[in-house]
C-alpha atoms as a PDB file:
ATOM      1  CA  MET A   1       9.798  19.492 -19.192  1.00  0.00           C
ATOM      2  CA  GLU A   2       7.914  16.559 -20.753  1.00  0.00           C
ATOM      3  CA  MET A   3       6.463  13.911 -18.428  1.00  0.00           C
ATOM      4  CA  LYS A   4       7.140  10.203 -18.931  1.00  0.00           C
ATOM      5  CA  VAL A   5       6.001   7.222 -16.839  1.00  0.00           C
ATOM      6  CA  PHE A   6       7.912   3.934 -16.794  1.00  0.00           C
ATOM      7  CA  SER A   7       7.304   0.642 -15.027  1.00  0.00           C
ATOM      8  CA  GLY A   8       9.437  -2.042 -13.518  1.00  0.00           C
ATOM      9  CA  ARG A   9       8.284  -5.658 -13.445  1.00  0.00           C
ATOM     10  CA  ALA A  10       6.673  -5.451  -9.992  1.00  0.00           C
ATOM     11  CA  ASN A  11       3.280  -4.080 -11.102  1.00  0.00           C
ATOM     12  CA  PRO A  12       3.100  -3.186 -14.810  1.00  0.00           C
ATOM     13  CA  LYS A  13      -0.727  -3.363 -14.870  1.00  0.00           C
ATOM     14  CA  LEU A  14      -0.976  -0.551 -12.318  1.00  0.00           C
ATOM     15  CA  ALA A  15       1.509   1.546 -14.307  1.00  0.00           C
ATOM     16  CA  ALA A  16      -0.541   0.972 -17.464  1.00  0.00           C
ATOM     17  CA  ARG A  17      -3.715   2.114 -15.677  1.00  0.00           C
ATOM     18  CA  ILE A  18      -1.914   5.233 -14.434  1.00  0.00           C
ATOM     19  CA  CYS A  19      -0.847   6.081 -17.985  1.00  0.00           C
ATOM     20  CA  GLU A  20      -4.390   5.465 -19.222  1.00  0.00           C
ATOM     21  CA  TYR A  21      -5.639   8.020 -16.685  1.00  0.00           C
ATOM     22  CA  LEU A  22      -2.938  10.494 -17.708  1.00  0.00           C
ATOM     23  CA  GLY A  23      -3.585   9.942 -21.414  1.00  0.00           C
ATOM     24  CA  ILE A  24       0.056   9.148 -22.214  1.00  0.00           C
ATOM     25  CA  PRO A  25       1.778   5.975 -23.438  1.00  0.00           C
ATOM     26  CA  LEU A  26       3.763   3.896 -20.976  1.00  0.00           C
ATOM     27  CA  GLY A  27       7.470   4.558 -21.422  1.00  0.00           C
ATOM     28  CA  ARG A  28       9.500   1.962 -23.303  1.00  0.00           C
ATOM     29  CA  ILE A  29      12.106   0.145 -21.216  1.00  0.00           C
ATOM     30  CA  SER A  30      13.655  -3.312 -21.406  1.00  0.00           C
ATOM     31  CA  ILE A  31      14.295  -5.155 -18.143  1.00  0.00           C
ATOM     32  CA  GLY A  32      15.559  -8.680 -17.834  1.00  0.00           C
ATOM     33  CA  ASN A  33      18.087 -10.880 -16.099  1.00  0.00           C
ATOM     34  CA  PHE A  34      21.516 -12.043 -17.146  1.00  0.00           C
ATOM     35  CA  PRO A  35      22.191 -15.811 -16.890  1.00  0.00           C
ATOM     36  CA  ASP A  36      23.695 -15.323 -13.416  1.00  0.00           C
ATOM     37  CA  GLY A  37      20.568 -13.503 -12.180  1.00  0.00           C
ATOM     38  CA  GLU A  38      21.899  -9.941 -12.354  1.00  0.00           C
ATOM     39  CA  ILE A  39      19.330  -7.379 -13.517  1.00  0.00           C
ATOM     40  CA  ALA A  40      19.684  -5.859 -16.989  1.00  0.00           C
ATOM     41  CA  CYS A  41      18.006  -2.570 -17.901  1.00  0.00           C
ATOM     42  CA  LYS A  42      17.895  -0.388 -21.009  1.00  0.00           C
ATOM     43  CA  ILE A  43      15.668   2.654 -21.581  1.00  0.00           C
ATOM     44  CA  GLU A  44      14.331   2.377 -25.119  1.00  0.00           C
ATOM     45  CA  GLU A  45      13.574   6.074 -25.701  1.00  0.00           C
ATOM     46  CA  ASP A  46      15.111   9.485 -25.136  1.00  0.00           C
ATOM     47  CA  VAL A  47      14.667  10.778 -21.577  1.00  0.00           C
ATOM     48  CA  ARG A  48      17.229  13.604 -21.552  1.00  0.00           C
ATOM     49  CA  GLY A  49      15.751  16.520 -19.636  1.00  0.00           C
ATOM     50  CA  ARG A  50      12.406  14.716 -19.128  1.00  0.00           C
ATOM     51  CA  ASP A  51      10.365  14.462 -15.921  1.00  0.00           C
ATOM     52  CA  CYS A  52      10.473  10.691 -15.350  1.00  0.00           C
ATOM     53  CA  PHE A  53       8.315   8.657 -12.947  1.00  0.00           C
ATOM     54  CA  ILE A  54       9.265   5.039 -12.182  1.00  0.00           C
ATOM     55  CA  VAL A  55       6.375   2.888 -10.889  1.00  0.00           C
ATOM     56  CA  GLN A  56       7.820   0.038  -8.837  1.00  0.00           C
ATOM     57  CA  PRO A  57       6.306  -1.172  -5.548  1.00  0.00           C
ATOM     58  CA  THR A  58       8.893  -3.053  -3.502  1.00  0.00           C
ATOM     59  CA  CYS A  59       6.508  -5.925  -2.798  1.00  0.00           C
ATOM     60  CA  PRO A  60       7.481  -9.623  -2.709  1.00  0.00           C
ATOM     61  CA  PRO A  61       9.940 -10.657  -3.975  1.00  0.00           C
ATOM     62  CA  VAL A  62      11.080  -7.582  -2.051  1.00  0.00           C
ATOM     63  CA  ASN A  63      14.828  -7.749  -2.620  1.00  0.00           C
ATOM     64  CA  GLU A  64      14.461  -8.445  -6.355  1.00  0.00           C
ATOM     65  CA  ASN A  65      12.026  -5.569  -6.860  1.00  0.00           C
ATOM     66  CA  LEU A  66      14.077  -3.188  -4.724  1.00  0.00           C
ATOM     67  CA  MET A  67      17.275  -3.918  -6.622  1.00  0.00           C
ATOM     68  CA  GLU A  68      15.409  -3.536  -9.912  1.00  0.00           C
ATOM     69  CA  LEU A  69      14.199  -0.102  -8.782  1.00  0.00           C
ATOM     70  CA  LEU A  70      17.747   0.971  -7.920  1.00  0.00           C
ATOM     71  CA  VAL A  71      19.068  -0.220 -11.289  1.00  0.00           C
ATOM     72  CA  MET A  72      16.288   1.651 -13.088  1.00  0.00           C
ATOM     73  CA  ILE A  73      16.936   4.880 -11.176  1.00  0.00           C
ATOM     74  CA  ASP A  74      20.635   4.677 -12.020  1.00  0.00           C
ATOM     75  CA  SER A  75      19.758   4.137 -15.694  1.00  0.00           C
ATOM     76  CA  PHE A  76      17.649   7.299 -15.789  1.00  0.00           C
ATOM     77  CA  VAL A  77      20.228   9.394 -13.953  1.00  0.00           C
ATOM     78  CA  ARG A  78      22.980   8.284 -16.355  1.00  0.00           C
ATOM     79  CA  ALA A  79      20.637   8.992 -19.296  1.00  0.00           C
ATOM     80  CA  SER A  80      20.417  12.638 -18.095  1.00  0.00           C
ATOM     81  CA  ALA A  81      16.747  12.611 -17.072  1.00  0.00           C
ATOM     82  CA  GLY A  82      15.704  16.039 -15.820  1.00  0.00           C
ATOM     83  CA  ARG A  83      14.038  14.658 -12.701  1.00  0.00           C
ATOM     84  CA  VAL A  84      13.480  11.107 -11.435  1.00  0.00           C
ATOM     85  CA  THR A  85      10.592  10.279  -9.092  1.00  0.00           C
ATOM     86  CA  ALA A  86      10.383   6.844  -7.486  1.00  0.00           C
ATOM     87  CA  VAL A  87       6.694   5.908  -7.347  1.00  0.00           C
ATOM     88  CA  LEU A  88       6.390   3.360  -4.532  1.00  0.00           C
ATOM     89  CA  PRO A  89       2.735   2.324  -4.152  1.00  0.00           C
ATOM     90  CA  TYR A  90       3.978  -0.173  -1.555  1.00  0.00           C
ATOM     91  CA  TYR A  91       7.165   0.443   0.438  1.00  0.00           C
ATOM     92  CA  GLY A  92       8.855  -2.774   1.494  1.00  0.00           C
ATOM     93  CA  TYR A  93      10.810  -2.988   4.780  1.00  0.00           C
ATOM     94  CA  ALA A  94       8.470  -0.329   6.243  1.00  0.00           C
ATOM     95  CA  ARG A  95       7.867  -2.403   9.371  1.00  0.00           C
ATOM     96  CA  GLN A  96      11.550  -2.207  10.298  1.00  0.00           C
ATOM     97  CA  ASP A  97      11.261   1.494  11.131  1.00  0.00           C
ATOM     98  CA  ARG A  98      12.901   1.645  14.591  1.00  0.00           C
ATOM     99  CA  LYS A  99      15.141  -0.225  17.008  1.00  0.00           C
ATOM    100  CA  ASP A 100      12.626  -2.065  19.159  1.00  0.00           C
ATOM    101  CA  GLU A 101      15.408  -4.153  20.707  1.00  0.00           C
ATOM    102  CA  GLY A 102      19.196  -4.142  20.810  1.00  0.00           C
ATOM    103  CA  ARG A 103      21.445  -4.898  17.836  1.00  0.00           C
ATOM    104  CA  VAL A 104      18.811  -4.713  15.084  1.00  0.00           C
ATOM    105  CA  PRO A 105      18.846  -2.499  11.959  1.00  0.00           C
ATOM    106  CA  ILE A 106      16.490   0.284  10.929  1.00  0.00           C
ATOM    107  CA  THR A 107      16.064  -1.142   7.454  1.00  0.00           C
ATOM    108  CA  ALA A 108      13.346   1.312   6.403  1.00  0.00           C
ATOM    109  CA  LYS A 109      15.938   4.079   6.710  1.00  0.00           C
ATOM    110  CA  LEU A 110      18.577   2.009   4.887  1.00  0.00           C
ATOM    111  CA  VAL A 111      16.209   1.487   1.940  1.00  0.00           C
ATOM    112  CA  ALA A 112      15.412   5.215   1.811  1.00  0.00           C
ATOM    113  CA  ASN A 113      19.151   5.969   1.769  1.00  0.00           C
ATOM    114  CA  MET A 114      19.678   3.530  -1.102  1.00  0.00           C
ATOM    115  CA  ILE A 115      16.879   5.048  -3.205  1.00  0.00           C
ATOM    116  CA  VAL A 116      18.205   8.578  -2.692  1.00  0.00           C
ATOM    117  CA  ARG A 117      21.810   7.513  -3.262  1.00  0.00           C
ATOM    118  CA  ALA A 118      20.807   5.839  -6.533  1.00  0.00           C
ATOM    119  CA  GLY A 119      19.685   9.260  -7.720  1.00  0.00           C
ATOM    120  CA  ALA A 120      15.952   9.671  -7.097  1.00  0.00           C
ATOM    121  CA  HIS A 121      15.003  13.330  -6.785  1.00  0.00           C
ATOM    122  CA  ARG A 122      11.756  12.628  -4.953  1.00  0.00           C
ATOM    123  CA  ALA A 123       9.450   9.789  -3.914  1.00  0.00           C
ATOM    124  CA  LEU A 124       5.714   9.156  -4.108  1.00  0.00           C
ATOM    125  CA  THR A 125       4.317   6.589  -1.672  1.00  0.00           C
ATOM    126  CA  MET A 126       0.957   5.342  -0.397  1.00  0.00           C
ATOM    127  CA  ASP A 127      -0.139   4.379   3.126  1.00  0.00           C
ATOM    128  CA  LEU A 128       3.254   3.880   4.707  1.00  0.00           C
ATOM    129  CA  HIS A 129       3.137   1.470   7.644  1.00  0.00           C
ATOM    130  CA  ALA A 130       4.909   4.136   9.717  1.00  0.00           C
ATOM    131  CA  TYR A 131       4.369   7.759   8.712  1.00  0.00           C
ATOM    132  CA  GLN A 132       7.768   8.822  10.052  1.00  0.00           C
ATOM    133  CA  ILE A 133       9.426   7.005   7.136  1.00  0.00           C
ATOM    134  CA  GLN A 134       8.764  10.158   5.113  1.00  0.00           C
ATOM    135  CA  GLY A 135      11.511  11.757   7.205  1.00  0.00           C
ATOM    136  CA  PHE A 136      13.954   8.959   6.360  1.00  0.00           C
ATOM    137  CA  PHE A 137      14.316  10.368   2.834  1.00  0.00           C
ATOM    138  CA  ASP A 138      16.637  13.304   2.178  1.00  0.00           C
ATOM    139  CA  VAL A 139      14.479  14.304  -0.801  1.00  0.00           C
ATOM    140  CA  PRO A 140      10.821  15.425  -0.936  1.00  0.00           C
ATOM    141  CA  VAL A 141       8.216  12.701  -0.290  1.00  0.00           C
ATOM    142  CA  ASP A 142       4.543  12.855  -1.249  1.00  0.00           C
ATOM    143  CA  HIS A 143       2.469  10.476   0.863  1.00  0.00           C
ATOM    144  CA  LEU A 144      -0.940   9.402  -0.419  1.00  0.00           C
ATOM    145  CA  TYR A 145      -3.831   7.649   1.341  1.00  0.00           C
ATOM    146  CA  ALA A 146      -6.083   5.030  -0.233  1.00  0.00           C
ATOM    147  CA  ALA A 147      -8.916   5.901   2.184  1.00  0.00           C
ATOM    148  CA  PRO A 148     -11.013   7.772  -0.442  1.00  0.00           C
ATOM    149  CA  VAL A 149     -10.971   4.698  -2.713  1.00  0.00           C
ATOM    150  CA  LEU A 150     -11.851   2.275   0.101  1.00  0.00           C
ATOM    151  CA  ASP A 151     -14.523   4.556   1.568  1.00  0.00           C
ATOM    152  CA  GLU A 152     -16.160   4.978  -1.826  1.00  0.00           C
ATOM    153  CA  TYR A 153     -16.678   1.208  -2.025  1.00  0.00           C
ATOM    154  CA  PHE A 154     -18.629   1.191   1.244  1.00  0.00           C
ATOM    155  CA  ILE A 155     -20.523   4.404   0.502  1.00  0.00           C
ATOM    156  CA  LYS A 156     -22.001   2.680  -2.547  1.00  0.00           C
ATOM    157  CA  MET A 157     -23.317  -0.104  -0.280  1.00  0.00           C
ATOM    158  CA  ASN A 158     -25.651   2.383   1.448  1.00  0.00           C
ATOM    159  CA  ILE A 159     -25.275   0.827   4.891  1.00  0.00           C
ATOM    160  CA  PRO A 160     -27.568   2.595   7.415  1.00  0.00           C
ATOM    161  CA  GLU A 161     -25.517   4.425  10.045  1.00  0.00           C
ATOM    162  CA  SER A 162     -27.544   2.780  12.805  1.00  0.00           C
ATOM    163  CA  GLU A 163     -26.213  -0.618  11.666  1.00  0.00           C
ATOM    164  CA  LEU A 164     -22.618   0.441  10.995  1.00  0.00           C
ATOM    165  CA  VAL A 165     -19.606   0.001  13.278  1.00  0.00           C
ATOM    166  CA  VAL A 166     -16.114   1.028  12.129  1.00  0.00           C
ATOM    167  CA  VAL A 167     -13.599  -1.244  13.817  1.00  0.00           C
ATOM    168  CA  SER A 168      -9.931  -0.672  14.583  1.00  0.00           C
ATOM    169  CA  PRO A 169      -8.152  -4.082  14.609  1.00  0.00           C
ATOM    170  CA  ASP A 170      -5.707  -2.822  17.264  1.00  0.00           C
ATOM    171  CA  GLU A 171      -4.900   0.287  19.283  1.00  0.00           C
ATOM    172  CA  GLY A 172      -2.332   1.422  16.707  1.00  0.00           C
ATOM    173  CA  SER A 173      -5.002   1.805  14.026  1.00  0.00           C
ATOM    174  CA  ILE A 174      -7.431   3.962  16.028  1.00  0.00           C
ATOM    175  CA  LYS A 175      -6.520   7.154  14.169  1.00  0.00           C
ATOM    176  CA  ARG A 176      -7.146   5.435  10.832  1.00  0.00           C
ATOM    177  CA  ALA A 177     -10.498   4.079  12.032  1.00  0.00           C
ATOM    178  CA  LEU A 178     -11.565   7.524  13.234  1.00  0.00           C
ATOM    179  CA  ALA A 179     -10.781   9.005   9.820  1.00  0.00           C
ATOM    180  CA  HIS A 180     -12.958   6.379   8.102  1.00  0.00           C
ATOM    181  CA  LYS A 181     -15.712   6.881  10.678  1.00  0.00           C
ATOM    182  CA  ALA A 182     -15.710  10.629   9.945  1.00  0.00           C
ATOM    183  CA  THR A 183     -16.558   9.813   6.321  1.00  0.00           C
ATOM    184  CA  LEU A 184     -18.801   6.779   6.750  1.00  0.00           C
ATOM    185  CA  GLY A 185     -20.501   7.540  10.066  1.00  0.00           C
ATOM    186  CA  GLY A 186     -21.632   4.844  12.493  1.00  0.00           C
ATOM    187  CA  ARG A 187     -20.030   3.884  15.801  1.00  0.00           C
ATOM    188  CA  LEU A 188     -16.431   3.033  16.704  1.00  0.00           C
ATOM    189  CA  ALA A 189     -15.077  -0.187  18.220  1.00  0.00           C
ATOM    190  CA  ILE A 190     -11.502  -1.243  19.032  1.00  0.00           C
ATOM    191  CA  VAL A 191     -10.157  -4.787  19.257  1.00  0.00           C
ATOM    192  CA  ASP A 192      -7.664  -5.221  22.085  1.00  0.00           C
ATOM    193  CA  LYS A 193      -4.746  -7.073  20.426  1.00  0.00           C
ATOM    194  CA  ARG A 194      -1.876  -8.705  22.316  1.00  0.00           C
ATOM    195  CA  ARG A 195       1.238  -9.724  20.374  1.00  0.00           C
ATOM    196  CA  SER A 196       3.057 -12.863  21.539  1.00  0.00           C
ATOM    197  CA  SER A 197       5.653 -12.901  18.715  1.00  0.00           C
ATOM    198  CA  ALA A 198       6.405 -11.305  15.336  1.00  0.00           C
ATOM    199  CA  GLU A 199       4.008 -13.782  13.691  1.00  0.00           C
ATOM    200  CA  GLN A 200       1.459 -14.519  16.432  1.00  0.00           C
ATOM    201  CA  THR A 201      -1.186 -12.291  18.009  1.00  0.00           C
ATOM    202  CA  HIS A 202      -4.318 -12.914  20.023  1.00  0.00           C
ATOM    203  CA  GLN A 203      -7.365 -10.760  20.590  1.00  0.00           C
ATOM    204  CA  GLU A 204      -8.786 -10.188  24.057  1.00  0.00           C
ATOM    205  CA  ASN A 205     -11.657  -7.701  24.264  1.00  0.00           C
ATOM    206  CA  ILE A 206     -13.742  -5.338  22.168  1.00  0.00           C
ATOM    207  CA  ILE A 207     -13.869  -1.741  23.372  1.00  0.00           C
ATOM    208  CA  GLY A 208     -16.750   0.482  22.267  1.00  0.00           C
ATOM    209  CA  GLY A 209     -19.399  -0.661  19.836  1.00  0.00           C
ATOM    210  CA  PRO A 210     -21.573  -2.553  20.550  1.00  0.00           C
ATOM    211  CA  VAL A 211     -21.072  -4.889  17.574  1.00  0.00           C
ATOM    212  CA  GLU A 212     -23.846  -7.412  18.186  1.00  0.00           C
ATOM    213  CA  GLY A 213     -26.205  -7.484  15.205  1.00  0.00           C
ATOM    214  CA  LYS A 214     -24.159  -4.791  13.435  1.00  0.00           C
ATOM    215  CA  ILE A 215     -22.278  -4.555  10.124  1.00  0.00           C
ATOM    216  CA  CYS A 216     -18.592  -4.161  11.008  1.00  0.00           C
ATOM    217  CA  LEU A 217     -16.055  -2.486   8.722  1.00  0.00           C
ATOM    218  CA  MET A 218     -12.449  -3.107   9.725  1.00  0.00           C
ATOM    219  CA  PHE A 219      -9.587  -1.106   8.177  1.00  0.00           C
ATOM    220  CA  ASP A 220      -5.829  -1.689   8.134  1.00  0.00           C
ATOM    221  CA  ASP A 221      -2.885  -0.500   6.066  1.00  0.00           C
ATOM    222  CA  LEU A 222      -1.678  -3.968   5.058  1.00  0.00           C
ATOM    223  CA  ILE A 223      -2.432  -7.642   5.464  1.00  0.00           C
ATOM    224  CA  SER A 224       0.656  -9.854   5.638  1.00  0.00           C
ATOM    225  CA  THR A 225       0.095 -13.252   7.282  1.00  0.00           C
ATOM    226  CA  ALA A 226      -3.489 -12.208   8.196  1.00  0.00           C
ATOM    227  CA  SER A 227      -3.065 -13.384  11.782  1.00  0.00           C
ATOM    228  CA  SER A 228      -4.185 -10.092  13.338  1.00  0.00           C
ATOM    229  CA  ILE A 229      -7.058  -9.329  11.000  1.00  0.00           C
ATOM    230  CA  CYS A 230      -8.488 -12.878  11.090  1.00  0.00           C
ATOM    231  CA  GLY A 231      -8.176 -12.990  14.880  1.00  0.00           C
ATOM    232  CA  ALA A 232     -10.020  -9.672  15.139  1.00  0.00           C
ATOM    233  CA  ALA A 233     -12.725 -10.895  12.739  1.00  0.00           C
ATOM    234  CA  GLU A 234     -13.193 -14.050  14.784  1.00  0.00           C
ATOM    235  CA  ARG A 235     -13.541 -11.965  17.955  1.00  0.00           C
ATOM    236  CA  LEU A 236     -16.184  -9.785  16.285  1.00  0.00           C
ATOM    237  CA  HIS A 237     -17.999 -12.890  15.069  1.00  0.00           C
ATOM    238  CA  GLN A 238     -18.016 -14.344  18.586  1.00  0.00           C
ATOM    239  CA  SER A 239     -19.469 -11.040  19.834  1.00  0.00           C
ATOM    240  CA  GLY A 240     -22.421 -11.321  17.485  1.00  0.00           C
ATOM    241  CA  ALA A 241     -21.479  -9.144  14.510  1.00  0.00           C
ATOM    242  CA  LYS A 242     -23.968  -9.644  11.663  1.00  0.00           C
ATOM    243  CA  GLU A 243     -21.514  -9.059   8.797  1.00  0.00           C
ATOM    244  CA  ILE A 244     -17.785  -8.353   8.779  1.00  0.00           C
ATOM    245  CA  TYR A 245     -15.982  -6.516   5.984  1.00  0.00           C
ATOM    246  CA  VAL A 246     -12.236  -5.911   5.942  1.00  0.00           C
ATOM    247  CA  ALA A 247     -10.440  -3.272   3.861  1.00  0.00           C
ATOM    248  CA  ALA A 248      -6.700  -2.781   3.503  1.00  0.00           C
ATOM    249  CA  THR A 249      -4.489  -0.863   1.120  1.00  0.00           C
ATOM    250  CA  HIS A 250      -1.754  -3.450   0.644  1.00  0.00           C
ATOM    251  CA  GLY A 251      -2.462  -7.148   0.176  1.00  0.00           C
ATOM    252  CA  VAL A 252       0.917  -8.714   0.901  1.00  0.00           C
ATOM    253  CA  LEU A 253      -0.805 -12.045   1.691  1.00  0.00           C
ATOM    254  CA  CYS A 254       2.221 -14.165   2.520  1.00  0.00           C
ATOM    255  CA  GLY A 255       2.668 -17.425   4.428  1.00  0.00           C
ATOM    256  CA  PRO A 256      -0.639 -18.866   5.680  1.00  0.00           C
ATOM    257  CA  ALA A 257      -2.640 -15.723   4.819  1.00  0.00           C
ATOM    258  CA  ILE A 258      -4.830 -17.275   2.124  1.00  0.00           C
ATOM    259  CA  ASP A 259      -5.704 -20.306   4.251  1.00  0.00           C
ATOM    260  CA  ARG A 260      -6.582 -18.073   7.195  1.00  0.00           C
ATOM    261  CA  LEU A 261      -8.661 -15.658   5.120  1.00  0.00           C
ATOM    262  CA  SER A 262     -10.549 -18.442   3.344  1.00  0.00           C
ATOM    263  CA  THR A 263     -11.919 -19.758   6.656  1.00  0.00           C
ATOM    264  CA  ALA A 264     -12.244 -16.445   8.538  1.00  0.00           C
ATOM    265  CA  PRO A 265     -15.775 -15.057   9.153  1.00  0.00           C
ATOM    266  CA  ILE A 266     -15.157 -12.203   6.686  1.00  0.00           C
ATOM    267  CA  LYS A 267     -17.841 -11.553   4.069  1.00  0.00           C
ATOM    268  CA  GLU A 268     -15.629  -9.445   1.797  1.00  0.00           C
ATOM    269  CA  LEU A 269     -11.990  -8.383   1.788  1.00  0.00           C
ATOM    270  CA  ILE A 270     -11.388  -5.159  -0.131  1.00  0.00           C
ATOM    271  CA  LEU A 271      -7.815  -4.536  -1.281  1.00  0.00           C
ATOM    272  CA  THR A 272      -6.227  -2.061  -3.672  1.00  0.00           C
ATOM    273  CA  ASP A 273      -3.941  -2.857  -6.607  1.00  0.00           C
ATOM    274  CA  THR A 274      -0.765  -1.423  -5.055  1.00  0.00           C
ATOM    275  CA  ILE A 275       0.424  -5.058  -4.998  1.00  0.00           C
ATOM    276  CA  PRO A 276      -0.629  -7.437  -7.791  1.00  0.00           C
ATOM    277  CA  LEU A 277      -2.355 -10.594  -6.619  1.00  0.00           C
ATOM    278  CA  ARG A 278      -1.420 -13.977  -8.029  1.00  0.00           C
ATOM    279  CA  PRO A 279      -4.232 -16.211  -9.356  1.00  0.00           C
ATOM    280  CA  ASP A 280      -3.883 -18.505  -6.335  1.00  0.00           C
ATOM    281  CA  GLN A 281      -4.463 -15.517  -4.034  1.00  0.00           C
ATOM    282  CA  MET A 282      -7.755 -14.448  -5.627  1.00  0.00           C
ATOM    283  CA  LEU A 283     -10.303 -15.781  -3.160  1.00  0.00           C
ATOM    284  CA  PRO A 284     -13.999 -15.321  -4.089  1.00  0.00           C
ATOM    285  CA  LYS A 285     -14.392 -12.922  -1.158  1.00  0.00           C
ATOM    286  CA  ILE A 286     -11.596 -10.589  -2.349  1.00  0.00           C
ATOM    287  CA  ARG A 287     -12.512  -7.374  -4.176  1.00  0.00           C
ATOM    288  CA  VAL A 288      -9.720  -5.259  -5.715  1.00  0.00           C
ATOM    289  CA  GLN A 289     -10.141  -1.503  -6.109  1.00  0.00           C
ATOM    290  CA  SER A 290      -7.686   0.478  -8.226  1.00  0.00           C
ATOM    291  CA  VAL A 291      -5.677   3.431  -6.915  1.00  0.00           C
ATOM    292  CA  SER A 292      -4.433   4.255 -10.426  1.00  0.00           C
ATOM    293  CA  GLU A 293      -6.465   7.453 -10.728  1.00  0.00           C
ATOM    294  CA  LEU A 294      -5.263   8.652  -7.330  1.00  0.00           C
ATOM    295  CA  LEU A 295      -1.640   7.965  -8.215  1.00  0.00           C
ATOM    296  CA  GLY A 296      -2.107   9.400 -11.699  1.00  0.00           C
ATOM    297  CA  GLU A 297      -3.550  12.631 -10.356  1.00  0.00           C
ATOM    298  CA  ALA A 298      -0.681  12.919  -7.858  1.00  0.00           C
ATOM    299  CA  ILE A 299       1.873  12.363 -10.632  1.00  0.00           C
ATOM    300  CA  LYS A 300       0.202  15.041 -12.745  1.00  0.00           C
ATOM    301  CA  ARG A 301       0.222  17.495  -9.852  1.00  0.00           C
ATOM    302  CA  ILE A 302       3.884  16.813  -9.066  1.00  0.00           C
ATOM    303  CA  HIS A 303       4.753  17.367 -12.728  1.00  0.00           C
ATOM    304  CA  LEU A 304       2.834  20.659 -12.815  1.00  0.00           C
ATOM    305  CA  ASN A 305       4.179  21.758  -9.396  1.00  0.00           C
ATOM    306  CA  LYS A 306       0.680  21.810  -7.916  1.00  0.00           C
ATOM    307  CA  SER A 307      -0.433  20.796  -4.442  1.00  0.00           C
ATOM    308  CA  VAL A 308      -0.726  17.058  -3.791  1.00  0.00           C
ATOM    309  CA  SER A 309      -2.210  17.491  -0.311  1.00  0.00           C
ATOM    310  CA  ALA A 310      -5.179  19.221  -1.952  1.00  0.00           C
ATOM    311  CA  LEU A 311      -6.287  15.725  -3.041  1.00  0.00           C
ATOM    312  CA  PHE A 312      -7.276  15.108   0.593  1.00  0.00           C
END
């Protein structure tokens, strides 16, 4: 079964890099909008019996990109593709993964249902906000981690272990911080975060460390409004940290994120290209690392029915 990779409009540059790694041309597909805003899609080559991968992160505008993904999946199913894999470098609605109060939806499950119902045979994702979302799909899910790409950036900096502190921005990210610490070395610190609303948090204490005079590396899965990460950076700065670096897989960067990050005491912010950044989001302190080779290798292994977990 021949492999083909196609892209929606959410992140065509990432799809092109994936194809460059795989040594294949990007599949030809036409996507546009009718005058009333409805999405139009036509596959411009034969996909009957082919192993098709659709690269489409459901990043902002989330609803537009999600609907485009569903339309694309339906197109491939009706064109008799042999297998359709939804490649979701970023999975929108992932933070609505449970009922944390009465009369609210579990939208992460709803989105998974929609993708499967549209006809996807499997999904490939990266750094889900909640790992249990893998179980929301009734088809196989391969879940990747950007940690090797982010860690490689810091390894090249040759930071002495005696000066290095890996920081968890909240108690929910401790496991992630420990995994990075196992690779990078150094000490561990945790910022005690208190949430006052869906948009507002404040940071109380720093557990572990110490961070005074140290180079602090803080890791998270995504940065949305940047309230938490900037608050944690400010707390580290007040505690005497010498340099503060932040790394995250997904740069959602919505609302006041850019304003907050531009004034935060962060020396560098390392993001991956799961979500494309607009020109107005490219602060001088932002460094973008590509996950195209990681995704490309996973796609190749799925196509050849080889282990994906062996990548880690």
